[in-house]
Amino acid sequence: MGKEKSVRIGRQALLLAMLDEGEEGAILDELRASNWRYCQGRAGAMEPQKIVAAIETAAKRHEVVDGSLYRDMHALYHAILEAVHGVTRGQVELGDLLRTAGLRFAVVRGTPYEQPKEGEWIAVALYGTIGAPVRGLEHEAVGLGINHI
């Protein structure tokens, strides 16, 4: 089997979500050189649906996905849910369990495989804190979701 290039789309998304502003220069250069689309943002809430909505809105606004295409939105939605699942340790509830999340997110869309037939993929990374809705009583959490488009 020939050596196949594989760019780690999840790693790129995680680094974008975890690095502070100004630290992500090399990753942004790589994404631009590959003609990949991406966006970053913040979401803090006691309701998972607000986190989902914030990520969907940013991805549409920055044209990472086309909001009129079912396949784009479906892939994004499942990647978001997978990432939220990781942050919440399998219980996709926040406020009902008296916990809140303050998260940074990144969405990356690209072609991580050398073979064009593998198509585009989307990764959603979340990094931040989760815990009781009392400042100082939270801990770090991370989640990653990847889906094909």
N, C-alpha and C. Protein backbone atom coordinates (compact mmCIF):
# COMPACT_ATOMS: atom_id res chain seq x y z
N MET A 1 0.83 -1.17 0.00
CA MET A 1 0.00 0.00 0.00
C MET A 1 0.89 1.24 0.00
N GLY A 2 0.54 2.23 -0.84
CA GLY A 2 1.34 3.45 -0.92
C GLY A 2 1.17 4.32 0.30
N LYS A 3 2.16 5.17 0.51
CA LYS A 3 2.11 6.08 1.65
C LYS A 3 1.06 7.16 1.36
N GLU A 4 0.10 7.30 2.24
CA GLU A 4 -0.99 8.24 2.04
C GLU A 4 -0.90 9.38 3.04
N LYS A 5 -1.05 10.59 2.53
CA LYS A 5 -1.06 11.76 3.40
C LYS A 5 -2.37 11.80 4.19
N SER A 6 -2.27 12.06 5.46
CA SER A 6 -3.47 12.24 6.27
C SER A 6 -3.22 13.42 7.20
N VAL A 7 -3.96 14.48 7.00
CA VAL A 7 -3.85 15.65 7.87
C VAL A 7 -4.83 15.44 9.01
N ARG A 8 -4.39 15.66 10.19
CA ARG A 8 -5.22 15.41 11.37
C ARG A 8 -6.15 16.59 11.62
N ILE A 9 -7.33 16.50 11.04
CA ILE A 9 -8.31 17.59 11.11
C ILE A 9 -8.76 17.83 12.55
N GLY A 10 -8.89 16.77 13.34
CA GLY A 10 -9.28 16.92 14.74
C GLY A 10 -8.22 17.64 15.55
N ARG A 11 -6.98 17.32 15.29
CA ARG A 11 -5.87 17.98 16.00
C ARG A 11 -5.87 19.48 15.70
N GLN A 12 -6.08 19.81 14.43
CA GLN A 12 -6.10 21.22 14.04
C GLN A 12 -7.23 21.95 14.79
N ALA A 13 -8.41 21.32 14.84
CA ALA A 13 -9.55 21.95 15.52
C ALA A 13 -9.27 22.09 17.01
N LEU A 14 -8.71 21.05 17.63
CA LEU A 14 -8.40 21.12 19.07
C LEU A 14 -7.40 22.23 19.37
N LEU A 15 -6.36 22.32 18.57
CA LEU A 15 -5.37 23.37 18.80
C LEU A 15 -5.98 24.75 18.66
N LEU A 16 -6.82 24.94 17.64
CA LEU A 16 -7.48 26.23 17.46
C LEU A 16 -8.35 26.58 18.68
N ALA A 17 -9.04 25.59 19.22
CA ALA A 17 -9.91 25.84 20.37
C ALA A 17 -9.11 26.09 21.64
N MET A 18 -7.95 25.47 21.77
CA MET A 18 -7.20 25.54 23.02
C MET A 18 -6.21 26.70 23.10
N LEU A 19 -5.68 27.12 21.97
CA LEU A 19 -4.68 28.18 22.00
C LEU A 19 -5.34 29.54 22.18
N ASP A 20 -4.66 30.41 22.90
CA ASP A 20 -5.16 31.77 23.10
C ASP A 20 -4.96 32.59 21.83
N GLU A 21 -5.69 33.70 21.73
CA GLU A 21 -5.55 34.58 20.58
C GLU A 21 -4.09 34.99 20.43
N GLY A 22 -3.61 34.92 19.21
CA GLY A 22 -2.23 35.28 18.92
C GLY A 22 -1.29 34.09 18.94
N GLU A 23 -1.69 32.98 19.54
CA GLU A 23 -0.85 31.79 19.61
C GLU A 23 -1.09 30.83 18.45
N GLU A 24 -2.18 31.04 17.71
CA GLU A 24 -2.59 30.05 16.73
C GLU A 24 -2.06 30.33 15.31
N GLY A 25 -1.10 31.22 15.16
CA GLY A 25 -0.60 31.65 13.86
C GLY A 25 -0.21 30.54 12.91
N ALA A 26 0.61 29.59 13.36
CA ALA A 26 1.09 28.51 12.48
C ALA A 26 -0.07 27.63 12.01
N ILE A 27 -1.02 27.37 12.88
CA ILE A 27 -2.16 26.53 12.50
C ILE A 27 -3.02 27.25 11.48
N LEU A 28 -3.26 28.54 11.69
CA LEU A 28 -4.05 29.31 10.74
C LEU A 28 -3.36 29.36 9.38
N ASP A 29 -2.02 29.48 9.37
CA ASP A 29 -1.28 29.47 8.12
C ASP A 29 -1.46 28.15 7.38
N GLU A 30 -1.40 27.03 8.13
CA GLU A 30 -1.60 25.71 7.53
C GLU A 30 -2.99 25.56 6.93
N LEU A 31 -3.99 26.01 7.68
CA LEU A 31 -5.38 25.90 7.21
C LEU A 31 -5.58 26.72 5.95
N ARG A 32 -5.06 27.92 5.93
CA ARG A 32 -5.20 28.78 4.74
C ARG A 32 -4.47 28.18 3.55
N ALA A 33 -3.26 27.64 3.78
CA ALA A 33 -2.49 27.04 2.69
C ALA A 33 -3.20 25.83 2.10
N SER A 34 -3.98 25.12 2.91
CA SER A 34 -4.72 23.94 2.46
C SER A 34 -6.09 24.30 1.89
N ASN A 35 -6.44 25.60 1.91
CA ASN A 35 -7.77 26.06 1.49
C ASN A 35 -8.88 25.44 2.33
N TRP A 36 -8.60 25.21 3.60
CA TRP A 36 -9.61 24.69 4.52
C TRP A 36 -10.36 25.88 5.12
N ARG A 37 -11.61 25.64 5.48
CA ARG A 37 -12.42 26.67 6.10
C ARG A 37 -12.48 26.40 7.60
N TYR A 38 -12.60 27.47 8.37
CA TYR A 38 -12.61 27.32 9.82
C TYR A 38 -13.28 28.52 10.47
N CYS A 39 -13.65 28.35 11.71
CA CYS A 39 -14.10 29.47 12.53
C CYS A 39 -13.82 29.13 13.98
N GLN A 40 -13.82 30.15 14.80
CA GLN A 40 -13.59 30.01 16.23
C GLN A 40 -14.60 30.87 16.98
N GLY A 41 -14.81 30.55 18.24
CA GLY A 41 -15.72 31.37 19.03
C GLY A 41 -15.79 30.90 20.46
N ARG A 42 -16.73 31.48 21.18
CA ARG A 42 -16.95 31.13 22.58
C ARG A 42 -18.42 30.86 22.80
N ALA A 43 -18.70 29.95 23.72
CA ALA A 43 -20.08 29.64 24.09
C ALA A 43 -20.10 29.30 25.56
N GLY A 44 -20.95 29.96 26.28
CA GLY A 44 -21.10 29.67 27.70
C GLY A 44 -22.58 29.56 28.00
N ALA A 45 -22.98 28.49 28.66
CA ALA A 45 -24.41 28.31 28.91
C ALA A 45 -24.66 27.20 29.91
N MET A 46 -25.89 27.19 30.39
CA MET A 46 -26.36 26.09 31.22
C MET A 46 -27.26 25.17 30.39
N GLU A 47 -27.47 25.50 29.12
CA GLU A 47 -28.30 24.68 28.24
C GLU A 47 -27.49 24.26 27.02
N PRO A 48 -27.41 22.95 26.76
CA PRO A 48 -26.64 22.48 25.60
C PRO A 48 -27.12 23.07 24.28
N GLN A 49 -28.43 23.33 24.14
CA GLN A 49 -28.94 23.85 22.87
C GLN A 49 -28.37 25.23 22.55
N LYS A 50 -28.00 26.00 23.58
CA LYS A 50 -27.39 27.31 23.33
C LYS A 50 -25.97 27.15 22.79
N ILE A 51 -25.28 26.13 23.26
CA ILE A 51 -23.93 25.85 22.75
C ILE A 51 -24.02 25.41 21.30
N VAL A 52 -24.96 24.50 21.01
CA VAL A 52 -25.17 24.03 19.63
C VAL A 52 -25.50 25.21 18.73
N ALA A 53 -26.40 26.07 19.16
CA ALA A 53 -26.82 27.21 18.35
C ALA A 53 -25.65 28.17 18.08
N ALA A 54 -24.82 28.42 19.09
CA ALA A 54 -23.69 29.33 18.91
C ALA A 54 -22.71 28.79 17.88
N ILE A 55 -22.44 27.49 17.92
CA ILE A 55 -21.50 26.89 16.97
C ILE A 55 -22.09 26.88 15.57
N GLU A 56 -23.36 26.50 15.45
CA GLU A 56 -24.02 26.50 14.13
C GLU A 56 -24.03 27.89 13.52
N THR A 57 -24.36 28.90 14.33
CA THR A 57 -24.41 30.27 13.83
C THR A 57 -23.04 30.74 13.35
N ALA A 58 -21.99 30.47 14.11
CA ALA A 58 -20.64 30.87 13.71
C ALA A 58 -20.21 30.15 12.43
N ALA A 59 -20.50 28.86 12.34
CA ALA A 59 -20.10 28.09 11.16
C ALA A 59 -20.80 28.60 9.90
N LYS A 60 -22.07 28.97 10.02
CA LYS A 60 -22.79 29.54 8.88
C LYS A 60 -22.28 30.94 8.55
N ARG A 61 -22.10 31.76 9.57
CA ARG A 61 -21.65 33.14 9.36
C ARG A 61 -20.28 33.20 8.68
N HIS A 62 -19.39 32.28 9.04
CA HIS A 62 -18.04 32.27 8.47
C HIS A 62 -17.95 31.36 7.23
N GLU A 63 -19.09 30.89 6.76
CA GLU A 63 -19.19 30.08 5.55
C GLU A 63 -18.38 28.79 5.60
N VAL A 64 -18.27 28.23 6.81
CA VAL A 64 -17.67 26.90 6.95
C VAL A 64 -18.67 25.87 6.45
N VAL A 65 -19.95 26.14 6.67
CA VAL A 65 -21.04 25.31 6.14
C VAL A 65 -22.03 26.19 5.41
N ASP A 66 -22.80 25.58 4.53
CA ASP A 66 -23.89 26.26 3.83
C ASP A 66 -25.17 25.88 4.55
N GLY A 67 -25.79 26.83 5.21
CA GLY A 67 -26.98 26.58 6.00
C GLY A 67 -28.17 26.07 5.20
N SER A 68 -28.12 26.20 3.88
CA SER A 68 -29.24 25.71 3.05
C SER A 68 -29.04 24.27 2.58
N LEU A 69 -27.87 23.70 2.88
CA LEU A 69 -27.60 22.32 2.47
C LEU A 69 -27.76 21.36 3.65
N TYR A 70 -28.63 20.41 3.48
CA TYR A 70 -28.88 19.42 4.54
C TYR A 70 -27.60 18.68 4.92
N ARG A 71 -26.83 18.24 3.93
CA ARG A 71 -25.63 17.45 4.23
C ARG A 71 -24.63 18.24 5.07
N ASP A 72 -24.49 19.53 4.81
CA ASP A 72 -23.58 20.35 5.60
C ASP A 72 -24.07 20.46 7.05
N MET A 73 -25.33 20.81 7.20
CA MET A 73 -25.87 21.02 8.54
C MET A 73 -25.96 19.72 9.33
N HIS A 74 -26.26 18.62 8.65
CA HIS A 74 -26.35 17.32 9.30
C HIS A 74 -24.97 16.90 9.83
N ALA A 75 -23.95 17.04 9.00
CA ALA A 75 -22.59 16.68 9.41
C ALA A 75 -22.13 17.56 10.58
N LEU A 76 -22.41 18.86 10.48
CA LEU A 76 -22.02 19.78 11.56
C LEU A 76 -22.74 19.42 12.85
N TYR A 77 -24.03 19.17 12.78
CA TYR A 77 -24.82 18.84 13.97
C TYR A 77 -24.26 17.62 14.68
N HIS A 78 -23.95 16.57 13.93
CA HIS A 78 -23.44 15.36 14.56
C HIS A 78 -22.04 15.56 15.15
N ALA A 79 -21.22 16.36 14.49
CA ALA A 79 -19.89 16.65 15.03
C ALA A 79 -20.03 17.46 16.33
N ILE A 80 -20.97 18.41 16.36
CA ILE A 80 -21.20 19.20 17.58
C ILE A 80 -21.66 18.30 18.72
N LEU A 81 -22.63 17.45 18.44
CA LEU A 81 -23.15 16.56 19.50
C LEU A 81 -22.06 15.65 20.06
N GLU A 82 -21.21 15.14 19.18
CA GLU A 82 -20.11 14.28 19.63
C GLU A 82 -19.16 15.06 20.54
N ALA A 83 -18.86 16.30 20.18
CA ALA A 83 -17.97 17.13 20.99
C ALA A 83 -18.61 17.47 22.34
N VAL A 84 -19.89 17.83 22.33
CA VAL A 84 -20.61 18.14 23.59
C VAL A 84 -20.67 16.90 24.47
N HIS A 85 -20.86 15.76 23.85
CA HIS A 85 -20.88 14.49 24.59
C HIS A 85 -19.57 14.29 25.34
N GLY A 86 -18.46 14.63 24.71
CA GLY A 86 -17.16 14.51 25.37
C GLY A 86 -17.01 15.46 26.53
N VAL A 87 -17.43 16.70 26.35
CA VAL A 87 -17.31 17.71 27.41
C VAL A 87 -18.17 17.34 28.61
N THR A 88 -19.36 16.82 28.36
CA THR A 88 -20.29 16.52 29.45
C THR A 88 -20.17 15.09 29.95
N ARG A 89 -19.14 14.39 29.50
CA ARG A 89 -18.87 13.01 29.95
C ARG A 89 -20.06 12.09 29.75
N GLY A 90 -20.71 12.25 28.60
CA GLY A 90 -21.78 11.34 28.23
C GLY A 90 -23.16 11.73 28.69
N GLN A 91 -23.28 12.72 29.55
CA GLN A 91 -24.59 13.19 29.99
C GLN A 91 -24.81 14.57 29.40
N VAL A 92 -25.46 14.63 28.25
CA VAL A 92 -25.61 15.89 27.54
C VAL A 92 -26.68 16.75 28.23
N GLU A 93 -26.41 17.07 29.48
CA GLU A 93 -27.26 17.95 30.27
C GLU A 93 -26.34 18.88 31.04
N LEU A 94 -26.82 20.08 31.24
CA LEU A 94 -26.05 21.03 32.04
C LEU A 94 -26.90 21.59 33.16
N GLY A 95 -27.75 22.55 32.86
CA GLY A 95 -28.54 23.23 33.88
C GLY A 95 -29.36 22.31 34.76
N ASP A 96 -29.96 21.26 34.16
CA ASP A 96 -30.76 20.32 34.95
C ASP A 96 -29.92 19.61 36.00
N LEU A 97 -28.62 19.51 35.75
CA LEU A 97 -27.72 18.86 36.71
C LEU A 97 -26.93 19.89 37.52
N LEU A 98 -27.40 21.13 37.48
CA LEU A 98 -26.75 22.23 38.19
C LEU A 98 -25.28 22.38 37.82
N ARG A 99 -25.02 22.40 36.53
CA ARG A 99 -23.67 22.67 36.06
C ARG A 99 -23.74 23.58 34.84
N THR A 100 -22.68 24.28 34.61
CA THR A 100 -22.60 25.21 33.50
C THR A 100 -21.28 25.00 32.77
N ALA A 101 -21.21 25.47 31.55
CA ALA A 101 -20.00 25.32 30.76
C ALA A 101 -19.60 26.67 30.16
N GLY A 102 -18.32 26.95 30.17
CA GLY A 102 -17.74 28.11 29.51
C GLY A 102 -16.72 27.57 28.53
N LEU A 103 -17.02 27.63 27.24
CA LEU A 103 -16.22 26.91 26.25
C LEU A 103 -15.72 27.81 25.13
N ARG A 104 -14.55 27.48 24.63
CA ARG A 104 -14.07 28.01 23.36
C ARG A 104 -14.30 26.90 22.36
N PHE A 105 -14.63 27.26 21.13
CA PHE A 105 -14.84 26.24 20.11
C PHE A 105 -14.13 26.59 18.82
N ALA A 106 -13.88 25.55 18.04
CA ALA A 106 -13.34 25.71 16.70
C ALA A 106 -14.02 24.69 15.80
N VAL A 107 -14.32 25.12 14.58
CA VAL A 107 -14.89 24.25 13.56
C VAL A 107 -13.93 24.31 12.38
N VAL A 108 -13.50 23.15 11.91
CA VAL A 108 -12.57 23.07 10.78
C VAL A 108 -13.18 22.14 9.74
N ARG A 109 -13.17 22.58 8.48
CA ARG A 109 -13.69 21.78 7.37
C ARG A 109 -12.60 21.67 6.32
N GLY A 110 -12.34 20.44 5.88
CA GLY A 110 -11.31 20.26 4.87
C GLY A 110 -11.27 18.85 4.34
N THR A 111 -10.21 18.59 3.58
CA THR A 111 -10.00 17.28 2.95
C THR A 111 -8.74 16.66 3.56
N PRO A 112 -8.89 15.90 4.63
CA PRO A 112 -7.72 15.39 5.33
C PRO A 112 -7.04 14.19 4.67
N TYR A 113 -7.61 13.66 3.59
CA TYR A 113 -7.02 12.50 2.93
C TYR A 113 -6.52 12.86 1.55
N GLU A 114 -5.48 12.19 1.13
CA GLU A 114 -4.88 12.44 -0.17
C GLU A 114 -5.83 12.08 -1.30
N GLN A 115 -6.59 11.01 -1.12
CA GLN A 115 -7.53 10.56 -2.15
C GLN A 115 -8.73 11.51 -2.22
N PRO A 116 -8.94 12.17 -3.35
CA PRO A 116 -10.08 13.10 -3.47
C PRO A 116 -11.43 12.43 -3.21
N LYS A 117 -11.55 11.15 -3.48
CA LYS A 117 -12.82 10.45 -3.28
C LYS A 117 -13.21 10.36 -1.80
N GLU A 118 -12.27 10.59 -0.90
CA GLU A 118 -12.59 10.57 0.53
C GLU A 118 -13.41 11.79 0.93
N GLY A 119 -13.39 12.84 0.11
CA GLY A 119 -14.24 14.00 0.31
C GLY A 119 -13.88 14.88 1.49
N GLU A 120 -14.82 15.75 1.80
CA GLU A 120 -14.63 16.71 2.89
C GLU A 120 -15.10 16.14 4.23
N TRP A 121 -14.45 16.63 5.28
CA TRP A 121 -14.76 16.24 6.65
C TRP A 121 -14.89 17.51 7.47
N ILE A 122 -15.57 17.40 8.60
CA ILE A 122 -15.72 18.54 9.50
C ILE A 122 -15.38 18.09 10.93
N ALA A 123 -14.66 18.95 11.63
CA ALA A 123 -14.29 18.67 13.03
C ALA A 123 -14.75 19.83 13.89
N VAL A 124 -15.31 19.50 15.06
CA VAL A 124 -15.72 20.50 16.04
C VAL A 124 -14.98 20.18 17.33
N ALA A 125 -14.25 21.15 17.84
CA ALA A 125 -13.52 20.99 19.09
C ALA A 125 -14.05 21.98 20.12
N LEU A 126 -14.17 21.50 21.35
CA LEU A 126 -14.60 22.33 22.48
C LEU A 126 -13.56 22.23 23.58
N TYR A 127 -13.22 23.36 24.17
CA TYR A 127 -12.29 23.38 25.29
C TYR A 127 -12.72 24.48 26.26
N GLY A 128 -12.73 24.17 27.52
CA GLY A 128 -13.07 25.18 28.50
C GLY A 128 -13.30 24.58 29.86
N THR A 129 -14.29 25.13 30.55
CA THR A 129 -14.57 24.65 31.90
C THR A 129 -16.02 24.21 32.01
N ILE A 130 -16.23 23.28 32.95
CA ILE A 130 -17.56 22.79 33.25
C ILE A 130 -17.61 22.56 34.76
N GLY A 131 -18.75 22.83 35.34
CA GLY A 131 -18.88 22.60 36.78
C GLY A 131 -20.08 23.31 37.35
N ALA A 132 -20.09 23.41 38.66
CA ALA A 132 -21.17 24.09 39.37
C ALA A 132 -21.22 25.54 38.91
N PRO A 133 -22.42 26.13 38.87
CA PRO A 133 -22.52 27.52 38.43
C PRO A 133 -22.03 28.51 39.48
N VAL A 134 -20.87 28.22 40.04
CA VAL A 134 -20.22 29.09 41.02
C VAL A 134 -18.78 29.26 40.57
N ARG A 135 -18.37 30.51 40.37
CA ARG A 135 -17.01 30.77 39.88
C ARG A 135 -15.99 30.13 40.80
N GLY A 136 -15.05 29.41 40.18
CA GLY A 136 -13.99 28.74 40.94
C GLY A 136 -14.30 27.29 41.26
N LEU A 137 -15.51 26.85 41.00
CA LEU A 137 -15.86 25.45 41.27
C LEU A 137 -16.06 24.67 39.98
N GLU A 138 -15.21 24.95 39.00
CA GLU A 138 -15.30 24.23 37.73
C GLU A 138 -13.94 23.62 37.41
N HIS A 139 -13.93 22.74 36.42
CA HIS A 139 -12.67 22.14 35.98
C HIS A 139 -12.63 22.15 34.47
N GLU A 140 -11.46 21.90 33.92
CA GLU A 140 -11.30 21.89 32.47
C GLU A 140 -11.99 20.69 31.86
N ALA A 141 -12.41 20.87 30.61
CA ALA A 141 -13.03 19.78 29.86
C ALA A 141 -12.72 20.00 28.38
N VAL A 142 -12.72 18.89 27.64
CA VAL A 142 -12.47 18.96 26.20
C VAL A 142 -13.37 17.96 25.49
N GLY A 143 -13.78 18.30 24.29
CA GLY A 143 -14.60 17.41 23.47
C GLY A 143 -14.23 17.59 22.01
N LEU A 144 -14.35 16.50 21.24
CA LEU A 144 -14.01 16.54 19.82
C LEU A 144 -15.01 15.68 19.06
N GLY A 145 -15.53 16.23 17.99
CA GLY A 145 -16.43 15.49 17.12
C GLY A 145 -15.96 15.64 15.69
N ILE A 146 -15.96 14.54 14.95
CA ILE A 146 -15.54 14.54 13.54
C ILE A 146 -16.56 13.79 12.73
N ASN A 147 -16.93 14.36 11.59
CA ASN A 147 -17.91 13.71 10.73
C ASN A 147 -17.57 13.98 9.27
N HIS A 148 -17.94 13.06 8.40
CA HIS A 148 -17.75 13.27 6.96
C HIS A 148 -18.92 14.07 6.42
N ILE A 149 -18.67 14.81 5.35
CA ILE A 149 -19.75 15.59 4.74
C ILE A 149 -20.16 14.88 3.46
